[in-house]
Amino acid sequence: SGKVMDVARRTTGGFLRGQAQLVGLDEDRERKLTVEFQNEWIIAREGDEVIATTPDLICLLDSQSGEGIGTEIIRYGQRVTVIALPAPPVLTSPKGLEHVGPRAFGYDLDFRSVFAEAG
């Protein structure tokens, strides 16, 4: 869990694009996370390391209420918890990744599941 330290947004090509910079709190206080978005949370990076990408579902939750925080309402100072949920196999197949993987959103990245380490 952490706190939102900065949010940068712009609208291009019909998408709300940008990133949120998070700094960890409590046991996560040494961690810094950047979450990039295009209407939805697309890429999570810790430093230079990509730790999760679409099509896994990256979610930012209000740390007190547990409610989801959308890209259009995230703001400086919010206390958040970041979680990821695994994508169904149809979305992680080569054909699925063509449509919903990082490259489909213009990122020069391969799919990276946070769950790959757990297996």
N, C-alpha and C. Protein backbone atom coordinates (compact mmCIF):
# COMPACT_ATOMS: atom_id res chain seq x y z
N SER A 1 0.84 -1.19 0.00
CA SER A 1 0.00 0.00 0.00
C SER A 1 0.88 1.24 0.00
N GLY A 2 0.31 2.34 -0.46
CA GLY A 2 1.09 3.56 -0.55
C GLY A 2 0.24 4.79 -0.73
N LYS A 3 0.92 5.84 -1.12
CA LYS A 3 0.30 7.15 -1.27
C LYS A 3 0.62 7.68 -2.67
N VAL A 4 -0.36 8.31 -3.29
CA VAL A 4 -0.17 8.91 -4.60
C VAL A 4 0.64 10.19 -4.43
N MET A 5 1.80 10.24 -5.09
CA MET A 5 2.68 11.40 -4.99
C MET A 5 2.55 12.33 -6.19
N ASP A 6 2.11 11.81 -7.33
CA ASP A 6 1.96 12.65 -8.52
C ASP A 6 1.07 11.93 -9.52
N VAL A 7 0.30 12.71 -10.27
CA VAL A 7 -0.52 12.17 -11.35
C VAL A 7 -0.34 13.08 -12.56
N ALA A 8 -0.04 12.50 -13.69
CA ALA A 8 0.05 13.25 -14.95
C ALA A 8 -0.97 12.66 -15.91
N ARG A 9 -1.84 13.52 -16.47
CA ARG A 9 -2.88 13.08 -17.40
C ARG A 9 -2.86 13.94 -18.66
N ARG A 10 -3.25 13.32 -19.77
CA ARG A 10 -3.49 14.04 -21.01
C ARG A 10 -4.47 13.21 -21.83
N THR A 11 -5.20 13.86 -22.70
CA THR A 11 -6.12 13.15 -23.58
C THR A 11 -5.56 13.21 -24.99
N THR A 12 -5.30 12.04 -25.55
CA THR A 12 -4.80 11.94 -26.93
C THR A 12 -5.45 10.75 -27.60
N GLY A 13 -5.86 10.95 -28.84
CA GLY A 13 -6.45 9.85 -29.60
C GLY A 13 -7.68 9.25 -28.95
N GLY A 14 -8.42 10.04 -28.19
CA GLY A 14 -9.62 9.55 -27.54
C GLY A 14 -9.38 8.79 -26.24
N PHE A 15 -8.13 8.71 -25.81
CA PHE A 15 -7.80 8.01 -24.58
C PHE A 15 -7.31 8.99 -23.52
N LEU A 16 -7.69 8.75 -22.28
CA LEU A 16 -7.09 9.44 -21.15
C LEU A 16 -5.81 8.68 -20.84
N ARG A 17 -4.67 9.32 -21.05
CA ARG A 17 -3.37 8.66 -20.88
C ARG A 17 -2.59 9.36 -19.78
N GLY A 18 -1.68 8.61 -19.17
CA GLY A 18 -0.82 9.22 -18.17
C GLY A 18 -0.23 8.19 -17.24
N GLN A 19 0.16 8.68 -16.06
CA GLN A 19 0.75 7.79 -15.07
C GLN A 19 0.53 8.35 -13.68
N ALA A 20 0.53 7.45 -12.73
CA ALA A 20 0.46 7.81 -11.31
C ALA A 20 1.74 7.32 -10.65
N GLN A 21 2.36 8.18 -9.87
CA GLN A 21 3.56 7.84 -9.11
C GLN A 21 3.14 7.56 -7.67
N LEU A 22 3.51 6.40 -7.16
CA LEU A 22 3.13 6.00 -5.81
C LEU A 22 4.38 5.76 -4.98
N VAL A 23 4.30 6.09 -3.71
CA VAL A 23 5.39 5.79 -2.78
C VAL A 23 4.79 4.92 -1.67
N GLY A 24 5.52 3.88 -1.30
CA GLY A 24 5.02 2.93 -0.32
C GLY A 24 4.93 3.50 1.09
N LEU A 25 4.03 2.93 1.85
CA LEU A 25 3.85 3.28 3.26
C LEU A 25 4.02 2.02 4.11
N ASP A 26 4.27 2.22 5.38
CA ASP A 26 4.40 1.12 6.34
C ASP A 26 5.45 0.11 5.86
N GLU A 27 5.08 -1.17 5.73
CA GLU A 27 6.06 -2.18 5.34
C GLU A 27 6.53 -2.01 3.89
N ASP A 28 5.83 -1.22 3.10
CA ASP A 28 6.21 -0.96 1.71
C ASP A 28 6.94 0.37 1.54
N ARG A 29 7.36 1.00 2.63
CA ARG A 29 7.87 2.38 2.56
C ARG A 29 9.10 2.56 1.68
N GLU A 30 9.84 1.52 1.40
CA GLU A 30 11.02 1.64 0.53
C GLU A 30 10.66 1.51 -0.95
N ARG A 31 9.42 1.20 -1.25
CA ARG A 31 9.02 0.91 -2.63
C ARG A 31 8.45 2.14 -3.33
N LYS A 32 8.72 2.24 -4.63
CA LYS A 32 8.15 3.28 -5.47
C LYS A 32 7.59 2.61 -6.71
N LEU A 33 6.36 2.95 -7.03
CA LEU A 33 5.66 2.31 -8.13
C LEU A 33 5.13 3.37 -9.09
N THR A 34 5.24 3.09 -10.37
CA THR A 34 4.63 3.92 -11.40
C THR A 34 3.60 3.06 -12.11
N VAL A 35 2.37 3.55 -12.20
CA VAL A 35 1.32 2.82 -12.89
C VAL A 35 0.86 3.69 -14.07
N GLU A 36 1.03 3.15 -15.27
CA GLU A 36 0.68 3.88 -16.49
C GLU A 36 -0.72 3.48 -16.93
N PHE A 37 -1.42 4.44 -17.55
CA PHE A 37 -2.79 4.16 -17.96
C PHE A 37 -3.14 4.73 -19.32
N GLN A 38 -4.11 4.06 -19.94
CA GLN A 38 -4.82 4.52 -21.13
C GLN A 38 -6.27 4.15 -20.88
N ASN A 39 -6.99 5.05 -20.25
CA ASN A 39 -8.34 4.84 -19.74
C ASN A 39 -8.37 3.81 -18.61
N GLU A 40 -7.56 2.79 -18.68
CA GLU A 40 -7.46 1.77 -17.64
C GLU A 40 -5.99 1.62 -17.24
N TRP A 41 -5.75 0.99 -16.11
CA TRP A 41 -4.38 0.75 -15.65
C TRP A 41 -3.77 -0.32 -16.55
N ILE A 42 -2.64 0.01 -17.20
CA ILE A 42 -2.06 -0.85 -18.24
C ILE A 42 -0.74 -1.50 -17.82
N ILE A 43 0.16 -0.72 -17.21
CA ILE A 43 1.51 -1.17 -16.89
C ILE A 43 1.85 -0.74 -15.47
N ALA A 44 2.43 -1.65 -14.68
CA ALA A 44 2.95 -1.29 -13.35
C ALA A 44 4.45 -1.55 -13.35
N ARG A 45 5.19 -0.53 -12.92
CA ARG A 45 6.65 -0.63 -12.85
C ARG A 45 7.12 -0.29 -11.45
N GLU A 46 8.08 -1.05 -10.98
CA GLU A 46 8.78 -0.71 -9.74
C GLU A 46 10.19 -0.34 -10.16
N GLY A 47 10.49 0.94 -10.11
CA GLY A 47 11.74 1.43 -10.68
C GLY A 47 11.70 1.21 -12.18
N ASP A 48 12.73 0.57 -12.72
CA ASP A 48 12.78 0.27 -14.15
C ASP A 48 12.18 -1.10 -14.48
N GLU A 49 11.82 -1.85 -13.46
CA GLU A 49 11.32 -3.21 -13.68
C GLU A 49 9.81 -3.22 -13.89
N VAL A 50 9.38 -3.80 -15.00
CA VAL A 50 7.95 -4.00 -15.25
C VAL A 50 7.51 -5.18 -14.40
N ILE A 51 6.50 -4.95 -13.55
CA ILE A 51 6.04 -6.04 -12.68
C ILE A 51 4.68 -6.60 -13.07
N ALA A 52 3.90 -5.84 -13.85
CA ALA A 52 2.60 -6.34 -14.32
C ALA A 52 2.17 -5.53 -15.53
N THR A 53 1.50 -6.21 -16.46
CA THR A 53 0.96 -5.54 -17.64
C THR A 53 -0.43 -6.08 -17.95
N THR A 54 -1.13 -5.33 -18.78
CA THR A 54 -2.35 -5.83 -19.37
C THR A 54 -2.01 -7.08 -20.19
N PRO A 55 -2.80 -8.10 -20.25
CA PRO A 55 -4.20 -8.15 -19.90
C PRO A 55 -4.50 -8.53 -18.44
N ASP A 56 -3.48 -8.81 -17.61
CA ASP A 56 -3.80 -8.94 -16.19
C ASP A 56 -4.47 -7.65 -15.76
N LEU A 57 -5.38 -7.74 -14.84
CA LEU A 57 -6.14 -6.57 -14.40
C LEU A 57 -5.40 -5.92 -13.23
N ILE A 58 -4.86 -4.74 -13.47
CA ILE A 58 -4.18 -3.96 -12.43
C ILE A 58 -5.23 -3.05 -11.81
N CYS A 59 -5.36 -3.11 -10.49
CA CYS A 59 -6.39 -2.34 -9.79
C CYS A 59 -5.76 -1.48 -8.71
N LEU A 60 -6.22 -0.25 -8.61
CA LEU A 60 -5.86 0.61 -7.49
C LEU A 60 -7.11 0.76 -6.64
N LEU A 61 -6.97 0.46 -5.36
CA LEU A 61 -8.10 0.49 -4.43
C LEU A 61 -7.85 1.54 -3.37
N ASP A 62 -8.90 2.20 -2.94
CA ASP A 62 -8.82 3.11 -1.80
C ASP A 62 -8.47 2.25 -0.58
N SER A 63 -7.39 2.59 0.10
CA SER A 63 -6.91 1.75 1.21
C SER A 63 -7.88 1.69 2.38
N GLN A 64 -8.75 2.68 2.53
CA GLN A 64 -9.71 2.65 3.64
C GLN A 64 -11.01 1.96 3.26
N SER A 65 -11.58 2.33 2.11
CA SER A 65 -12.89 1.80 1.75
C SER A 65 -12.81 0.52 0.92
N GLY A 66 -11.68 0.30 0.24
CA GLY A 66 -11.56 -0.85 -0.64
C GLY A 66 -12.18 -0.62 -2.01
N GLU A 67 -12.74 0.56 -2.25
CA GLU A 67 -13.35 0.86 -3.54
C GLU A 67 -12.29 1.07 -4.60
N GLY A 68 -12.62 0.66 -5.82
CA GLY A 68 -11.71 0.86 -6.94
C GLY A 68 -11.55 2.34 -7.27
N ILE A 69 -10.35 2.70 -7.70
CA ILE A 69 -10.05 4.08 -8.08
C ILE A 69 -9.74 4.09 -9.57
N GLY A 70 -10.56 4.79 -10.33
CA GLY A 70 -10.36 4.88 -11.77
C GLY A 70 -9.30 5.90 -12.13
N THR A 71 -8.82 5.79 -13.35
CA THR A 71 -7.77 6.69 -13.82
C THR A 71 -8.22 8.14 -13.87
N GLU A 72 -9.51 8.36 -14.03
CA GLU A 72 -10.02 9.73 -14.13
C GLU A 72 -10.17 10.42 -12.78
N ILE A 73 -10.13 9.66 -11.68
CA ILE A 73 -10.35 10.28 -10.36
C ILE A 73 -9.17 10.15 -9.40
N ILE A 74 -8.14 9.43 -9.81
CA ILE A 74 -6.97 9.32 -8.92
C ILE A 74 -6.38 10.70 -8.68
N ARG A 75 -5.94 10.97 -7.46
CA ARG A 75 -5.42 12.31 -7.15
C ARG A 75 -4.30 12.23 -6.12
N TYR A 76 -3.54 13.30 -6.09
CA TYR A 76 -2.43 13.43 -5.14
C TYR A 76 -2.93 13.20 -3.72
N GLY A 77 -2.15 12.46 -2.95
CA GLY A 77 -2.44 12.26 -1.54
C GLY A 77 -3.31 11.07 -1.21
N GLN A 78 -3.97 10.48 -2.20
CA GLN A 78 -4.81 9.32 -1.91
C GLN A 78 -3.96 8.17 -1.39
N ARG A 79 -4.51 7.46 -0.42
CA ARG A 79 -3.89 6.24 0.10
C ARG A 79 -4.48 5.08 -0.70
N VAL A 80 -3.60 4.32 -1.33
CA VAL A 80 -4.06 3.27 -2.24
C VAL A 80 -3.39 1.94 -1.95
N THR A 81 -4.06 0.90 -2.36
CA THR A 81 -3.51 -0.45 -2.37
C THR A 81 -3.57 -0.92 -3.82
N VAL A 82 -2.47 -1.47 -4.30
CA VAL A 82 -2.41 -1.94 -5.69
C VAL A 82 -2.49 -3.46 -5.67
N ILE A 83 -3.41 -3.99 -6.47
CA ILE A 83 -3.53 -5.44 -6.62
C ILE A 83 -3.57 -5.76 -8.11
N ALA A 84 -3.35 -7.02 -8.43
CA ALA A 84 -3.49 -7.49 -9.81
C ALA A 84 -4.27 -8.79 -9.78
N LEU A 85 -5.09 -8.96 -10.79
CA LEU A 85 -5.89 -10.18 -10.95
C LEU A 85 -5.48 -10.83 -12.26
N PRO A 86 -5.37 -12.16 -12.28
CA PRO A 86 -4.91 -12.82 -13.50
C PRO A 86 -5.94 -12.75 -14.63
N ALA A 87 -5.44 -12.54 -15.83
CA ALA A 87 -6.29 -12.57 -17.01
C ALA A 87 -6.66 -14.01 -17.34
N PRO A 88 -7.82 -14.21 -17.94
CA PRO A 88 -8.17 -15.57 -18.37
C PRO A 88 -7.24 -16.01 -19.52
N PRO A 89 -7.03 -17.32 -19.66
CA PRO A 89 -6.11 -17.83 -20.68
C PRO A 89 -6.40 -17.33 -22.10
N VAL A 90 -7.65 -17.11 -22.45
CA VAL A 90 -7.96 -16.65 -23.80
C VAL A 90 -7.30 -15.29 -24.08
N LEU A 91 -7.14 -14.46 -23.06
CA LEU A 91 -6.52 -13.14 -23.26
C LEU A 91 -5.00 -13.21 -23.26
N THR A 92 -4.43 -14.25 -22.66
CA THR A 92 -2.97 -14.37 -22.63
C THR A 92 -2.43 -15.26 -23.75
N SER A 93 -3.33 -15.77 -24.59
CA SER A 93 -2.90 -16.53 -25.77
C SER A 93 -2.27 -15.55 -26.77
N PRO A 94 -1.47 -16.05 -27.71
CA PRO A 94 -0.88 -15.14 -28.71
C PRO A 94 -1.92 -14.27 -29.41
N LYS A 95 -3.05 -14.85 -29.79
CA LYS A 95 -4.11 -14.08 -30.46
C LYS A 95 -4.71 -13.04 -29.52
N GLY A 96 -4.94 -13.44 -28.27
CA GLY A 96 -5.49 -12.50 -27.29
C GLY A 96 -4.55 -11.34 -27.04
N LEU A 97 -3.26 -11.62 -26.92
CA LEU A 97 -2.27 -10.57 -26.66
C LEU A 97 -2.17 -9.58 -27.82
N GLU A 98 -2.48 -10.04 -29.05
CA GLU A 98 -2.50 -9.11 -30.18
C GLU A 98 -3.50 -7.98 -29.95
N HIS A 99 -4.57 -8.29 -29.23
CA HIS A 99 -5.66 -7.33 -29.05
C HIS A 99 -5.63 -6.60 -27.71
N VAL A 100 -5.10 -7.25 -26.67
CA VAL A 100 -5.16 -6.64 -25.33
C VAL A 100 -3.83 -6.66 -24.58
N GLY A 101 -2.77 -7.08 -25.24
CA GLY A 101 -1.45 -7.05 -24.62
C GLY A 101 -0.85 -5.66 -24.68
N PRO A 102 0.30 -5.46 -24.05
CA PRO A 102 0.93 -4.14 -24.03
C PRO A 102 1.18 -3.55 -25.41
N ARG A 103 1.54 -4.39 -26.38
CA ARG A 103 1.83 -3.88 -27.73
C ARG A 103 0.57 -3.33 -28.40
N ALA A 104 -0.60 -3.86 -28.05
CA ALA A 104 -1.86 -3.35 -28.60
C ALA A 104 -2.12 -1.91 -28.16
N PHE A 105 -1.48 -1.49 -27.08
CA PHE A 105 -1.63 -0.13 -26.56
C PHE A 105 -0.42 0.75 -26.89
N GLY A 106 0.48 0.23 -27.74
CA GLY A 106 1.61 1.03 -28.18
C GLY A 106 2.86 0.92 -27.34
N TYR A 107 2.90 -0.01 -26.41
CA TYR A 107 4.10 -0.21 -25.58
C TYR A 107 5.00 -1.26 -26.22
N ASP A 108 6.27 -1.02 -26.24
CA ASP A 108 7.24 -1.98 -26.77
C ASP A 108 7.64 -2.94 -25.65
N LEU A 109 6.65 -3.68 -25.17
CA LEU A 109 6.84 -4.60 -24.05
C LEU A 109 6.11 -5.90 -24.32
N ASP A 110 6.66 -6.98 -23.84
CA ASP A 110 5.94 -8.25 -23.84
C ASP A 110 5.07 -8.31 -22.59
N PHE A 111 4.05 -9.15 -22.65
CA PHE A 111 3.17 -9.37 -21.50
C PHE A 111 4.01 -9.86 -20.33
N ARG A 112 3.77 -9.26 -19.18
CA ARG A 112 4.46 -9.65 -17.94
C ARG A 112 3.39 -9.80 -16.87
N SER A 113 3.19 -11.02 -16.43
CA SER A 113 2.21 -11.28 -15.39
C SER A 113 2.89 -11.27 -14.03
N VAL A 114 2.28 -10.60 -13.09
CA VAL A 114 2.77 -10.62 -11.72
C VAL A 114 2.71 -12.04 -11.16
N PHE A 115 1.90 -12.87 -11.77
CA PHE A 115 1.71 -14.24 -11.29
C PHE A 115 2.75 -15.20 -11.85
N ALA A 116 3.58 -14.77 -12.79
CA ALA A 116 4.59 -15.64 -13.39
C ALA A 116 5.58 -16.13 -12.34
N GLU A 117 5.91 -15.30 -11.37
CA GLU A 117 6.87 -15.67 -10.32
C GLU A 117 6.30 -16.71 -9.37
N ALA A 118 4.97 -16.68 -9.19
CA ALA A 118 4.34 -17.57 -8.21
C ALA A 118 4.30 -19.01 -8.69
N GLY A 119 4.33 -19.24 -10.01
CA GLY A 119 4.18 -20.58 -10.55
C GLY A 119 5.36 -21.38 -10.35
